[in-house]
Amino acid sequence: MANYCRSPVAEVILSDLLGNEFEVRSAGIEPMLKPHMDPRSQKFLEDKMFSLKVHNPTKVGINDIMDSDLILTLDPRVNRVISKTYPKFNYKYKLLNFINPSQIISDPFLLEDLVTYNQCMEKIKRACEDLSIFLKSNQDA
């Protein structure tokens, strides 16, 4: 949503898992005005040994939608907003957890408990791993 907690983590993990085979970019529907990503997200990525890059929250726009083959959203609310904003491209939108929809990825922004926050990040990591396997297997088909 704000392109501050979840989406930057998904971008880093998917970029790492997919390498140069796919271009992965993160954007939100209501970007945070602060630069960078949530420090808790950054710490999670560092602890998991992912290579960090500079992240500045950005807003998804029509060019992002038109230029992308697949738009991944992190929760149903974001999916509804983007579907309503750009209905012509509804066939491109999927929840990040579409392979395993039982893994609900809530917005952790207001969480004060770091354990629960990191559990959310782990769900993102698992969803990215599942998606990576799915994309690579379908790319070869």
N, C-alpha and C. Protein backbone atom coordinates (compact mmCIF):
# COMPACT_ATOMS: atom_id res chain seq x y z
N MET A 1 0.82 -1.18 0.00
CA MET A 1 0.00 0.00 0.00
C MET A 1 0.88 1.26 0.00
N ALA A 2 1.72 1.38 1.03
CA ALA A 2 2.57 2.56 1.14
C ALA A 2 3.93 2.36 0.49
N ASN A 3 4.18 1.15 0.00
CA ASN A 3 5.47 0.83 -0.61
C ASN A 3 6.60 1.07 0.38
N TYR A 4 6.39 0.59 1.61
CA TYR A 4 7.33 0.87 2.69
C TYR A 4 7.71 -0.37 3.49
N CYS A 5 6.78 -1.29 3.72
CA CYS A 5 7.06 -2.48 4.55
C CYS A 5 7.16 -3.75 3.73
N ARG A 6 6.06 -4.15 3.09
CA ARG A 6 5.98 -5.46 2.45
C ARG A 6 6.53 -5.47 1.03
N SER A 7 6.08 -4.56 0.21
CA SER A 7 6.45 -4.56 -1.20
C SER A 7 7.96 -4.48 -1.43
N PRO A 8 8.69 -3.64 -0.70
CA PRO A 8 10.14 -3.61 -0.90
C PRO A 8 10.80 -4.94 -0.56
N VAL A 9 10.27 -5.63 0.45
CA VAL A 9 10.81 -6.94 0.82
C VAL A 9 10.55 -7.94 -0.30
N ALA A 10 9.34 -7.94 -0.82
CA ALA A 10 9.01 -8.84 -1.94
C ALA A 10 9.90 -8.53 -3.15
N GLU A 11 10.13 -7.26 -3.41
CA GLU A 11 10.98 -6.88 -4.55
C GLU A 11 12.39 -7.44 -4.39
N VAL A 12 12.98 -7.25 -3.22
CA VAL A 12 14.35 -7.72 -2.98
C VAL A 12 14.42 -9.24 -3.09
N ILE A 13 13.48 -9.93 -2.46
CA ILE A 13 13.52 -11.39 -2.46
C ILE A 13 13.28 -11.94 -3.86
N LEU A 14 12.25 -11.44 -4.55
CA LEU A 14 11.98 -11.92 -5.91
C LEU A 14 13.14 -11.61 -6.86
N SER A 15 13.71 -10.42 -6.74
CA SER A 15 14.85 -10.08 -7.59
C SER A 15 16.00 -11.05 -7.38
N ASP A 16 16.23 -11.40 -6.12
CA ASP A 16 17.29 -12.35 -5.79
C ASP A 16 16.97 -13.74 -6.34
N LEU A 17 15.75 -14.19 -6.14
CA LEU A 17 15.37 -15.54 -6.55
C LEU A 17 15.28 -15.69 -8.07
N LEU A 18 14.85 -14.64 -8.75
CA LEU A 18 14.63 -14.71 -10.19
C LEU A 18 15.83 -14.25 -11.01
N GLY A 19 16.76 -13.57 -10.38
CA GLY A 19 17.94 -13.10 -11.10
C GLY A 19 17.55 -12.17 -12.23
N ASN A 20 18.24 -12.31 -13.34
CA ASN A 20 18.00 -11.44 -14.50
C ASN A 20 16.89 -11.95 -15.41
N GLU A 21 16.26 -13.07 -15.03
CA GLU A 21 15.22 -13.64 -15.89
C GLU A 21 13.96 -12.78 -15.95
N PHE A 22 13.70 -12.04 -14.87
CA PHE A 22 12.51 -11.19 -14.78
C PHE A 22 12.90 -9.86 -14.17
N GLU A 23 12.21 -8.81 -14.60
CA GLU A 23 12.39 -7.50 -13.97
C GLU A 23 11.35 -7.37 -12.86
N VAL A 24 11.80 -7.02 -11.68
CA VAL A 24 10.91 -6.89 -10.53
C VAL A 24 11.04 -5.47 -10.00
N ARG A 25 9.90 -4.79 -9.86
CA ARG A 25 9.89 -3.44 -9.29
C ARG A 25 8.76 -3.33 -8.29
N SER A 26 8.97 -2.50 -7.30
CA SER A 26 8.01 -2.30 -6.23
C SER A 26 7.40 -0.91 -6.33
N ALA A 27 6.09 -0.83 -6.11
CA ALA A 27 5.40 0.46 -6.08
C ALA A 27 4.16 0.30 -5.20
N GLY A 28 3.62 1.40 -4.74
CA GLY A 28 2.45 1.36 -3.88
C GLY A 28 1.33 2.22 -4.41
N ILE A 29 0.17 2.11 -3.78
CA ILE A 29 -0.97 2.93 -4.21
C ILE A 29 -1.03 4.25 -3.43
N GLU A 30 -0.43 4.27 -2.25
CA GLU A 30 -0.33 5.48 -1.43
C GLU A 30 1.05 5.52 -0.81
N PRO A 31 2.08 5.84 -1.59
CA PRO A 31 3.45 5.72 -1.10
C PRO A 31 3.75 6.57 0.13
N MET A 32 4.56 5.99 0.99
CA MET A 32 5.04 6.66 2.19
C MET A 32 5.93 7.83 1.76
N LEU A 33 5.85 8.90 2.48
CA LEU A 33 6.66 10.08 2.14
C LEU A 33 8.08 9.96 2.66
N LYS A 34 8.32 9.00 3.56
CA LYS A 34 9.67 8.79 4.08
C LYS A 34 10.51 8.07 3.02
N PRO A 35 11.79 8.39 2.94
CA PRO A 35 12.64 7.62 2.03
C PRO A 35 12.97 6.24 2.63
N HIS A 36 13.36 5.34 1.79
CA HIS A 36 13.81 4.00 2.19
C HIS A 36 12.62 3.10 2.53
N MET A 37 12.92 1.96 3.13
CA MET A 37 11.89 1.04 3.57
C MET A 37 11.86 1.02 5.10
N ASP A 38 10.84 0.40 5.63
CA ASP A 38 10.73 0.28 7.08
C ASP A 38 12.00 -0.37 7.61
N PRO A 39 12.61 0.19 8.65
CA PRO A 39 13.84 -0.39 9.20
C PRO A 39 13.69 -1.85 9.63
N ARG A 40 12.50 -2.24 10.06
CA ARG A 40 12.27 -3.64 10.44
C ARG A 40 12.34 -4.54 9.23
N SER A 41 11.86 -4.07 8.10
CA SER A 41 11.94 -4.83 6.85
C SER A 41 13.40 -4.96 6.42
N GLN A 42 14.12 -3.86 6.50
CA GLN A 42 15.53 -3.87 6.13
C GLN A 42 16.30 -4.85 7.01
N LYS A 43 16.04 -4.85 8.30
CA LYS A 43 16.71 -5.77 9.22
C LYS A 43 16.38 -7.22 8.89
N PHE A 44 15.13 -7.49 8.57
CA PHE A 44 14.73 -8.84 8.18
C PHE A 44 15.54 -9.30 6.98
N LEU A 45 15.63 -8.46 5.96
CA LEU A 45 16.38 -8.81 4.75
C LEU A 45 17.86 -9.01 5.06
N GLU A 46 18.43 -8.14 5.86
CA GLU A 46 19.84 -8.29 6.24
C GLU A 46 20.06 -9.59 6.99
N ASP A 47 19.17 -9.92 7.92
CA ASP A 47 19.30 -11.16 8.69
C ASP A 47 19.19 -12.40 7.81
N LYS A 48 18.44 -12.28 6.71
CA LYS A 48 18.28 -13.40 5.78
C LYS A 48 19.32 -13.38 4.66
N MET A 49 20.27 -12.44 4.77
CA MET A 49 21.41 -12.35 3.85
C MET A 49 21.02 -11.95 2.41
N PHE A 50 19.99 -11.15 2.28
CA PHE A 50 19.62 -10.63 0.96
C PHE A 50 20.38 -9.34 0.71
N SER A 51 20.75 -9.11 -0.53
CA SER A 51 21.45 -7.89 -0.91
C SER A 51 20.46 -6.74 -0.98
N LEU A 52 20.73 -5.71 -0.22
CA LEU A 52 19.84 -4.56 -0.20
C LEU A 52 20.24 -3.56 -1.27
N LYS A 53 19.25 -2.84 -1.74
CA LYS A 53 19.50 -1.73 -2.65
C LYS A 53 18.73 -0.54 -2.12
N VAL A 54 19.02 0.62 -2.63
CA VAL A 54 18.32 1.82 -2.20
C VAL A 54 16.85 1.70 -2.61
N HIS A 55 15.97 1.99 -1.67
CA HIS A 55 14.54 1.95 -1.96
C HIS A 55 13.92 3.29 -1.62
N ASN A 56 13.23 3.86 -2.58
CA ASN A 56 12.45 5.06 -2.35
C ASN A 56 11.02 4.74 -2.73
N PRO A 57 10.08 4.85 -1.78
CA PRO A 57 8.69 4.53 -2.09
C PRO A 57 8.19 5.30 -3.30
N THR A 58 7.55 4.59 -4.20
CA THR A 58 7.00 5.19 -5.41
C THR A 58 5.55 4.77 -5.59
N LYS A 59 4.84 5.55 -6.38
CA LYS A 59 3.43 5.27 -6.66
C LYS A 59 3.31 4.54 -7.99
N VAL A 60 2.47 3.50 -7.99
CA VAL A 60 2.23 2.78 -9.22
C VAL A 60 1.44 3.69 -10.17
N GLY A 61 1.83 3.66 -11.44
CA GLY A 61 1.16 4.50 -12.43
C GLY A 61 0.78 3.69 -13.65
N ILE A 62 0.12 4.32 -14.56
CA ILE A 62 -0.39 3.65 -15.76
C ILE A 62 0.74 3.02 -16.57
N ASN A 63 1.90 3.68 -16.63
CA ASN A 63 3.02 3.10 -17.39
C ASN A 63 3.50 1.80 -16.75
N ASP A 64 3.51 1.76 -15.41
CA ASP A 64 3.87 0.51 -14.72
C ASP A 64 2.90 -0.60 -15.10
N ILE A 65 1.62 -0.27 -15.11
CA ILE A 65 0.59 -1.24 -15.41
C ILE A 65 0.72 -1.72 -16.86
N MET A 66 0.88 -0.79 -17.78
CA MET A 66 0.95 -1.15 -19.20
C MET A 66 2.21 -1.94 -19.53
N ASP A 67 3.32 -1.61 -18.89
CA ASP A 67 4.60 -2.24 -19.20
C ASP A 67 4.81 -3.59 -18.52
N SER A 68 3.92 -3.97 -17.63
CA SER A 68 4.11 -5.20 -16.86
C SER A 68 3.25 -6.33 -17.38
N ASP A 69 3.80 -7.52 -17.31
CA ASP A 69 3.04 -8.72 -17.67
C ASP A 69 2.22 -9.22 -16.49
N LEU A 70 2.72 -8.95 -15.29
CA LEU A 70 2.08 -9.42 -14.07
C LEU A 70 2.23 -8.35 -13.00
N ILE A 71 1.13 -8.02 -12.33
CA ILE A 71 1.13 -7.07 -11.23
C ILE A 71 0.76 -7.85 -9.98
N LEU A 72 1.67 -7.89 -9.03
CA LEU A 72 1.43 -8.61 -7.78
C LEU A 72 1.05 -7.61 -6.70
N THR A 73 -0.03 -7.90 -6.02
CA THR A 73 -0.44 -7.07 -4.89
C THR A 73 -0.28 -7.90 -3.63
N LEU A 74 -0.15 -7.20 -2.50
CA LEU A 74 0.14 -7.91 -1.26
C LEU A 74 -1.08 -8.22 -0.43
N ASP A 75 -2.20 -7.56 -0.70
CA ASP A 75 -3.41 -7.93 0.02
C ASP A 75 -4.64 -7.58 -0.82
N PRO A 76 -5.79 -8.15 -0.47
CA PRO A 76 -7.01 -7.94 -1.27
C PRO A 76 -7.42 -6.48 -1.39
N ARG A 77 -7.19 -5.69 -0.34
CA ARG A 77 -7.58 -4.27 -0.41
C ARG A 77 -6.81 -3.55 -1.51
N VAL A 78 -5.51 -3.78 -1.55
CA VAL A 78 -4.69 -3.16 -2.59
C VAL A 78 -5.14 -3.66 -3.96
N ASN A 79 -5.43 -4.94 -4.05
CA ASN A 79 -5.88 -5.52 -5.32
C ASN A 79 -7.19 -4.85 -5.78
N ARG A 80 -8.12 -4.61 -4.86
CA ARG A 80 -9.38 -3.95 -5.21
C ARG A 80 -9.15 -2.52 -5.69
N VAL A 81 -8.28 -1.80 -4.98
CA VAL A 81 -8.01 -0.41 -5.36
C VAL A 81 -7.38 -0.34 -6.75
N ILE A 82 -6.40 -1.18 -6.99
CA ILE A 82 -5.72 -1.13 -8.29
C ILE A 82 -6.64 -1.62 -9.41
N SER A 83 -7.49 -2.59 -9.11
CA SER A 83 -8.46 -3.07 -10.10
C SER A 83 -9.47 -2.00 -10.45
N LYS A 84 -9.87 -1.23 -9.46
CA LYS A 84 -10.84 -0.15 -9.68
C LYS A 84 -10.18 1.01 -10.43
N THR A 85 -8.93 1.28 -10.11
CA THR A 85 -8.21 2.40 -10.74
C THR A 85 -7.86 2.09 -12.19
N TYR A 86 -7.47 0.84 -12.45
CA TYR A 86 -7.06 0.44 -13.80
C TYR A 86 -7.82 -0.84 -14.21
N PRO A 87 -9.15 -0.75 -14.40
CA PRO A 87 -9.95 -1.95 -14.65
C PRO A 87 -9.63 -2.65 -15.97
N LYS A 88 -9.12 -1.93 -16.92
CA LYS A 88 -8.82 -2.49 -18.24
C LYS A 88 -7.75 -3.58 -18.16
N PHE A 89 -6.97 -3.59 -17.09
CA PHE A 89 -5.85 -4.52 -16.96
C PHE A 89 -6.06 -5.56 -15.86
N ASN A 90 -7.31 -5.82 -15.50
CA ASN A 90 -7.60 -6.75 -14.41
C ASN A 90 -6.98 -8.13 -14.61
N TYR A 91 -6.78 -8.53 -15.83
CA TYR A 91 -6.19 -9.85 -16.11
C TYR A 91 -4.72 -9.94 -15.64
N LYS A 92 -4.10 -8.82 -15.35
CA LYS A 92 -2.70 -8.81 -14.92
C LYS A 92 -2.52 -8.91 -13.41
N TYR A 93 -3.57 -8.68 -12.63
CA TYR A 93 -3.45 -8.55 -11.18
C TYR A 93 -3.62 -9.89 -10.48
N LYS A 94 -2.67 -10.18 -9.60
CA LYS A 94 -2.75 -11.36 -8.75
C LYS A 94 -2.20 -11.00 -7.38
N LEU A 95 -2.74 -11.65 -6.37
CA LEU A 95 -2.16 -11.51 -5.04
C LEU A 95 -0.85 -12.27 -5.00
N LEU A 96 0.12 -11.77 -4.29
CA LEU A 96 1.41 -12.44 -4.19
C LEU A 96 1.25 -13.87 -3.70
N ASN A 97 0.28 -14.10 -2.86
CA ASN A 97 0.08 -15.44 -2.29
C ASN A 97 -0.90 -16.29 -3.10
N PHE A 98 -1.10 -16.00 -4.38
CA PHE A 98 -2.11 -16.73 -5.16
C PHE A 98 -1.82 -18.22 -5.26
N ILE A 99 -0.58 -18.62 -5.12
CA ILE A 99 -0.25 -20.05 -5.18
C ILE A 99 -0.67 -20.74 -3.89
N ASN A 100 -0.55 -20.05 -2.79
CA ASN A 100 -0.97 -20.58 -1.49
C ASN A 100 -1.80 -19.53 -0.77
N PRO A 101 -3.08 -19.39 -1.16
CA PRO A 101 -3.91 -18.30 -0.61
C PRO A 101 -4.18 -18.39 0.90
N SER A 102 -3.89 -19.52 1.50
CA SER A 102 -4.08 -19.61 2.95
C SER A 102 -3.03 -18.78 3.71
N GLN A 103 -1.95 -18.41 3.04
CA GLN A 103 -0.91 -17.57 3.64
C GLN A 103 -1.30 -16.09 3.48
N ILE A 104 -2.11 -15.60 4.38
CA ILE A 104 -2.57 -14.21 4.33
C ILE A 104 -1.45 -13.30 4.80
N ILE A 105 -1.16 -12.29 3.98
CA ILE A 105 -0.05 -11.37 4.28
C ILE A 105 -0.64 -10.03 4.70
N SER A 106 -0.82 -9.87 5.98
CA SER A 106 -1.41 -8.63 6.54
C SER A 106 -0.39 -7.50 6.49
N ASP A 107 -0.90 -6.28 6.56
CA ASP A 107 -0.02 -5.12 6.59
C ASP A 107 0.57 -4.99 8.00
N PRO A 108 1.88 -5.09 8.14
CA PRO A 108 2.49 -5.08 9.47
C PRO A 108 2.88 -3.69 9.98
N PHE A 109 2.57 -2.66 9.22
CA PHE A 109 3.08 -1.32 9.53
C PHE A 109 2.84 -0.92 10.99
N LEU A 110 1.65 -1.15 11.51
CA LEU A 110 1.32 -0.69 12.86
C LEU A 110 1.71 -1.68 13.95
N LEU A 111 2.28 -2.80 13.56
CA LEU A 111 2.68 -3.79 14.56
C LEU A 111 3.87 -3.29 15.39
N GLU A 112 3.76 -3.42 16.66
CA GLU A 112 4.88 -3.06 17.53
C GLU A 112 5.70 -4.29 17.91
N ASP A 113 5.08 -5.45 17.83
CA ASP A 113 5.73 -6.70 18.18
C ASP A 113 6.61 -7.18 17.01
N LEU A 114 7.91 -7.20 17.22
CA LEU A 114 8.84 -7.57 16.16
C LEU A 114 8.69 -9.02 15.73
N VAL A 115 8.32 -9.89 16.65
CA VAL A 115 8.14 -11.31 16.29
C VAL A 115 7.00 -11.44 15.28
N THR A 116 5.89 -10.79 15.54
CA THR A 116 4.75 -10.84 14.61
C THR A 116 5.09 -10.16 13.29
N TYR A 117 5.82 -9.08 13.36
CA TYR A 117 6.26 -8.39 12.14
C TYR A 117 7.10 -9.34 11.29
N ASN A 118 8.05 -10.00 11.91
CA ASN A 118 8.92 -10.92 11.17
C ASN A 118 8.16 -12.14 10.65
N GLN A 119 7.11 -12.54 11.32
CA GLN A 119 6.28 -13.63 10.81
C GLN A 119 5.62 -13.22 9.50
N CYS A 120 5.21 -11.97 9.43
CA CYS A 120 4.64 -11.44 8.18
C CYS A 120 5.70 -11.45 7.08
N MET A 121 6.90 -11.05 7.41
CA MET A 121 7.99 -11.04 6.43
C MET A 121 8.30 -12.47 5.96
N GLU A 122 8.23 -13.43 6.86
CA GLU A 122 8.45 -14.84 6.50
C GLU A 122 7.39 -15.32 5.52
N LYS A 123 6.16 -14.88 5.70
CA LYS A 123 5.09 -15.23 4.76
C LYS A 123 5.39 -14.66 3.38
N ILE A 124 5.91 -13.45 3.34
CA ILE A 124 6.29 -12.85 2.06
C ILE A 124 7.41 -13.66 1.43
N LYS A 125 8.38 -14.04 2.22
CA LYS A 125 9.50 -14.84 1.71
C LYS A 125 9.00 -16.16 1.14
N ARG A 126 8.12 -16.85 1.86
CA ARG A 126 7.58 -18.13 1.35
C ARG A 126 6.77 -17.92 0.07
N ALA A 127 5.95 -16.89 0.04
CA ALA A 127 5.17 -16.60 -1.16
C ALA A 127 6.07 -16.30 -2.35
N CYS A 128 7.16 -15.58 -2.11
CA CYS A 128 8.12 -15.29 -3.18
C CYS A 128 8.81 -16.56 -3.66
N GLU A 129 9.15 -17.44 -2.74
CA GLU A 129 9.78 -18.71 -3.12
C GLU A 129 8.82 -19.55 -3.96
N ASP A 130 7.56 -19.62 -3.53
CA ASP A 130 6.55 -20.36 -4.30
C ASP A 130 6.38 -19.75 -5.68
N LEU A 131 6.30 -18.43 -5.74
CA LEU A 131 6.12 -17.74 -7.02
C LEU A 131 7.32 -17.95 -7.93
N SER A 132 8.51 -17.90 -7.37
CA SER A 132 9.72 -18.10 -8.16
C SER A 132 9.71 -19.48 -8.83
N ILE A 133 9.38 -20.49 -8.07
CA ILE A 133 9.29 -21.85 -8.63
C ILE A 133 8.23 -21.90 -9.74
N PHE A 134 7.07 -21.31 -9.47
CA PHE A 134 5.98 -21.29 -10.43
C PHE A 134 6.39 -20.58 -11.73
N LEU A 135 6.98 -19.38 -11.61
CA LEU A 135 7.36 -18.62 -12.80
C LEU A 135 8.44 -19.33 -13.61
N LYS A 136 9.43 -19.86 -12.92
CA LYS A 136 10.50 -20.55 -13.64
C LYS A 136 10.00 -21.81 -14.33
N SER A 137 9.11 -22.54 -13.71
CA SER A 137 8.59 -23.76 -14.33
C SER A 137 7.68 -23.43 -15.50
N ASN A 138 6.94 -22.33 -15.43
CA ASN A 138 6.06 -21.95 -16.53
C ASN A 138 6.81 -21.22 -17.65
N GLN A 139 7.96 -20.67 -17.33
CA GLN A 139 8.77 -20.02 -18.35
C GLN A 139 9.35 -21.07 -19.31
N ASP A 140 9.67 -22.24 -18.78
CA ASP A 140 10.25 -23.30 -19.59
C ASP A 140 9.18 -24.05 -20.38
N ALA A 141 7.93 -23.94 -19.98
CA ALA A 141 6.86 -24.70 -20.64
C ALA A 141 6.49 -24.12 -21.97
